[in-house]
Structures are given as structure tokens and as C-alpha cells.
Amino acid sequence: MNLFSSGLVLHIIGIALISGGTLGHFITLRQLWGYLPGENQKATVVFKVSSAYDWFLRIGGLLLFASGFMLLRAYQFGVTKQFWFEFKMGLIVLMVLNITLVGAPGVKKLQSLLFNQPTVTDMLQYTALKKRIGIFHIGQFLILLLIFILGVFKFQ
């Protein structure tokens, strides 16, 4: 298998892992919201399950990074000046910012609320967290969709 073929296969696997991890995280957190605020113990178990999807995201990200360089090398870095590629790189930066600034702090706050005794104030914070994490997931899905479209059609 040559550099382009192996890079492409790894790139597709990376995208599948990131998309699947995001979808799995979204689905399990929807289940979690059904248990809150009354059944905190069940919600804690579901939260632990949703944390397993982080591995899909990390491995997918590493595969995308490594295979991206493989594909760039296969193209002899010729695509770096094309608009679709620059836009795609901007979307990847936006995805990382979405994870760092919206997703991770929201999930950490949810974790701290779940593993402590809930108070009345915490119940109000659940609603705000649900909205924040929902915005994170919508952003991730839209960014992934745009990256996929750019990868397939390569608009000039």
C-alpha cells in the first residue's frame, strides 16, 4: 500500500472515530439528562460510560493528525495553497476551540455536580449545563459535516 492509500484509510478511520465518539457522547448524555435531577446515582453511571467515548475522540484525533501529514506528503504539500484546504484547517482549529472552550469545561462542571451532593443551586446549573453541552454537540456535528463536505467536493 502506498503513502496516499494508507493515509486515506487512516484519515477515514480517524474521521469515523471522531464522529462516532461525538455521537456516542451525545446519545449517552441525552440518557443522563433523563435521570437528572432525581436519580443521581444512575446519572453518575451513565456519565462514566460517556467518558469512555473520550478515547474514541483522542485516538481519532491522533489518526487524523498523522494521516493528514501522510496525505500532505503524498500530495507533496501542493494542496496547502488551495482555498478548500485552508478553510478545512480553519474548521479544525474551530473544532479544537469548541472542545477546549465549550465542551471540556461543561463536562468537567457536570462531573463535579454529579459526584457531590446536589443542592437546589446545582439543579439550576444542570439546565445551563444541558444547554451548553447541547451547543457544543451541535457545533461539533456542524463542523464535522462541513469538513466532510470539503473533503469530498474540494471546492475551488
Protein backbone atom coordinates (compact mmCIF):
# COMPACT_ATOMS: atom_id res chain seq x y z
CA MET A 1 0.00 0.00 0.00
CA ASN A 2 1.44 3.39 -0.94
CA LEU A 3 1.56 6.55 1.18
CA PHE A 4 -1.62 8.05 -0.28
CA SER A 5 -3.73 4.90 0.15
CA SER A 6 -2.62 4.21 3.70
CA GLY A 7 -3.01 7.89 4.64
CA LEU A 8 -6.51 7.97 3.18
CA VAL A 9 -7.59 4.81 5.02
CA LEU A 10 -6.23 6.14 8.33
CA HIS A 11 -7.87 9.52 7.68
CA ILE A 12 -11.27 7.90 7.12
CA ILE A 13 -10.85 5.78 10.27
CA GLY A 14 -9.93 8.91 12.25
CA ILE A 15 -12.99 10.79 11.00
CA ALA A 16 -15.19 7.78 11.79
CA LEU A 17 -13.79 7.56 15.32
CA ILE A 18 -14.29 11.27 15.98
CA SER A 19 -17.80 11.28 14.50
CA GLY A 20 -18.77 8.08 16.31
CA GLY A 21 -17.30 9.27 19.59
CA THR A 22 -19.17 12.55 19.34
CA LEU A 23 -22.43 10.77 18.50
CA GLY A 24 -21.96 8.24 21.32
CA HIS A 25 -21.20 11.03 23.78
CA PHE A 26 -24.29 12.92 22.63
CA ILE A 27 -26.57 9.87 22.98
CA THR A 28 -25.32 8.85 26.43
CA LEU A 29 -25.57 12.39 27.75
CA ARG A 30 -29.16 12.59 26.49
CA GLN A 31 -29.81 9.49 28.58
CA LEU A 32 -28.09 11.16 31.53
CA TRP A 33 -30.32 14.24 31.36
CA GLY A 34 -33.34 11.94 31.72
CA TYR A 35 -32.07 10.81 35.13
CA LEU A 36 -31.44 14.29 36.48
CA PRO A 37 -32.18 15.74 38.92
CA GLY A 38 -33.88 12.81 40.71
CA GLU A 39 -31.74 9.74 40.08
CA ASN A 40 -28.22 11.00 40.67
CA GLN A 41 -26.67 7.53 41.07
CA LYS A 42 -27.94 6.32 37.68
CA ALA A 43 -26.79 9.56 36.10
CA THR A 44 -23.32 9.02 37.56
CA VAL A 45 -23.10 5.56 35.97
CA VAL A 46 -24.19 6.92 32.59
CA PHE A 47 -21.64 9.73 32.91
CA LYS A 48 -18.86 7.18 33.44
CA VAL A 49 -19.99 5.36 30.29
CA SER A 50 -19.98 8.61 28.31
CA SER A 51 -16.41 9.24 29.44
CA ALA A 52 -15.31 6.13 27.54
CA TYR A 53 -16.03 7.95 24.27
CA ASP A 54 -13.13 10.30 25.03
CA TRP A 55 -10.80 7.51 23.91
CA PHE A 56 -12.51 7.38 20.51
CA LEU A 57 -12.02 11.13 20.17
CA ARG A 58 -8.37 11.05 21.23
CA ILE A 59 -7.41 8.12 19.00
CA GLY A 60 -9.39 9.60 16.10
CA GLY A 61 -7.66 12.94 16.56
CA LEU A 62 -4.23 11.34 16.58
CA LEU A 63 -5.06 9.33 13.46
CA LEU A 64 -6.35 12.44 11.69
CA PHE A 65 -3.22 14.37 12.59
CA ALA A 66 -0.80 11.63 11.48
CA SER A 67 -2.73 10.69 8.35
CA GLY A 68 -3.15 14.35 7.43
CA PHE A 69 0.62 14.70 7.25
CA MET A 70 0.82 11.46 5.27
CA LEU A 71 -1.67 12.83 2.74
CA LEU A 72 0.12 16.17 2.57
CA ARG A 73 3.36 14.35 1.87
CA ALA A 74 1.66 12.22 -0.80
CA TYR A 75 0.43 15.44 -2.47
CA GLN A 76 3.90 16.98 -1.93
CA PHE A 77 2.22 19.74 0.10
CA GLY A 78 0.65 21.09 -3.11
CA VAL A 79 -2.86 21.40 -1.65
CA THR A 80 -1.83 23.76 1.13
CA LYS A 81 -2.41 26.83 -1.06
CA GLN A 82 -5.92 25.82 -2.13
CA PHE A 83 -8.88 27.59 -0.54
CA TRP A 84 -10.77 24.44 0.46
CA PHE A 85 -7.73 23.18 2.37
CA GLU A 86 -7.20 26.48 4.19
CA PHE A 87 -10.89 26.58 5.09
CA LYS A 88 -10.75 22.98 6.30
CA MET A 89 -7.76 23.77 8.54
CA GLY A 90 -9.73 26.72 9.95
CA LEU A 91 -12.61 24.37 10.75
CA ILE A 92 -10.24 22.01 12.53
CA VAL A 93 -8.95 24.91 14.65
CA LEU A 94 -12.58 25.84 15.35
CA MET A 95 -13.29 22.24 16.41
CA VAL A 96 -10.37 22.25 18.83
CA LEU A 97 -11.52 25.60 20.25
CA ASN A 98 -15.07 24.26 20.63
CA ILE A 99 -13.75 21.27 22.56
CA THR A 100 -11.41 23.37 24.70
CA LEU A 101 -13.65 26.35 25.46
CA VAL A 102 -17.17 24.88 25.44
CA GLY A 103 -17.16 21.08 25.71
CA ALA A 104 -14.43 20.26 28.23
CA PRO A 105 -15.39 22.92 30.82
CA GLY A 106 -19.05 21.91 30.58
CA VAL A 107 -18.29 18.23 31.07
CA LYS A 108 -15.93 18.99 33.99
CA LYS A 109 -18.62 21.09 35.66
CA LEU A 110 -21.16 18.31 35.13
CA GLN A 111 -18.73 15.82 36.66
CA SER A 112 -18.24 17.98 39.75
CA LEU A 113 -22.00 18.40 40.16
CA LEU A 114 -22.66 14.67 39.77
CA PHE A 115 -20.07 13.47 42.25
CA ASN A 116 -21.07 15.92 45.01
CA GLN A 117 -24.32 16.08 46.94
CA PRO A 118 -26.75 18.08 44.78
CA THR A 119 -28.22 21.28 46.18
CA VAL A 120 -31.02 23.49 44.90
CA THR A 121 -28.47 25.72 43.17
CA ASP A 122 -26.99 22.68 41.43
CA MET A 123 -30.39 21.83 39.99
CA LEU A 124 -30.46 25.21 38.26
CA GLN A 125 -26.93 24.66 36.96
CA TYR A 126 -27.98 21.37 35.32
CA THR A 127 -30.25 23.31 32.96
CA ALA A 128 -27.48 25.71 31.99
CA LEU A 129 -25.04 22.82 31.51
CA LYS A 130 -27.52 20.91 29.38
CA LYS A 131 -27.82 23.93 27.10
CA ARG A 132 -24.04 24.50 26.98
CA ILE A 133 -23.22 20.86 26.19
CA GLY A 134 -26.03 20.80 23.61
CA ILE A 135 -24.48 23.82 21.87
CA PHE A 136 -21.13 22.01 21.96
CA HIS A 137 -22.57 18.90 20.28
CA ILE A 138 -24.42 20.90 17.61
CA GLY A 139 -21.20 22.80 16.88
CA GLN A 140 -19.19 19.60 16.62
CA PHE A 141 -21.70 17.95 14.27
CA LEU A 142 -21.83 21.02 12.01
CA ILE A 143 -18.04 21.32 11.90
CA LEU A 144 -17.65 17.60 11.12
CA LEU A 145 -20.28 17.86 8.38
CA LEU A 146 -18.51 20.83 6.79
CA ILE A 147 -15.13 19.08 6.99
CA PHE A 148 -16.64 16.01 5.32
CA ILE A 149 -18.23 18.10 2.56
CA LEU A 150 -14.98 19.97 1.92
CA GLY A 151 -13.03 16.70 1.84
CA VAL A 152 -15.37 15.16 -0.71
CA PHE A 153 -16.06 18.10 -3.03
CA LYS A 154 -12.88 20.22 -2.63
CA PHE A 155 -14.44 23.49 -3.75
CA GLN A 156 -12.04 25.75 -5.64
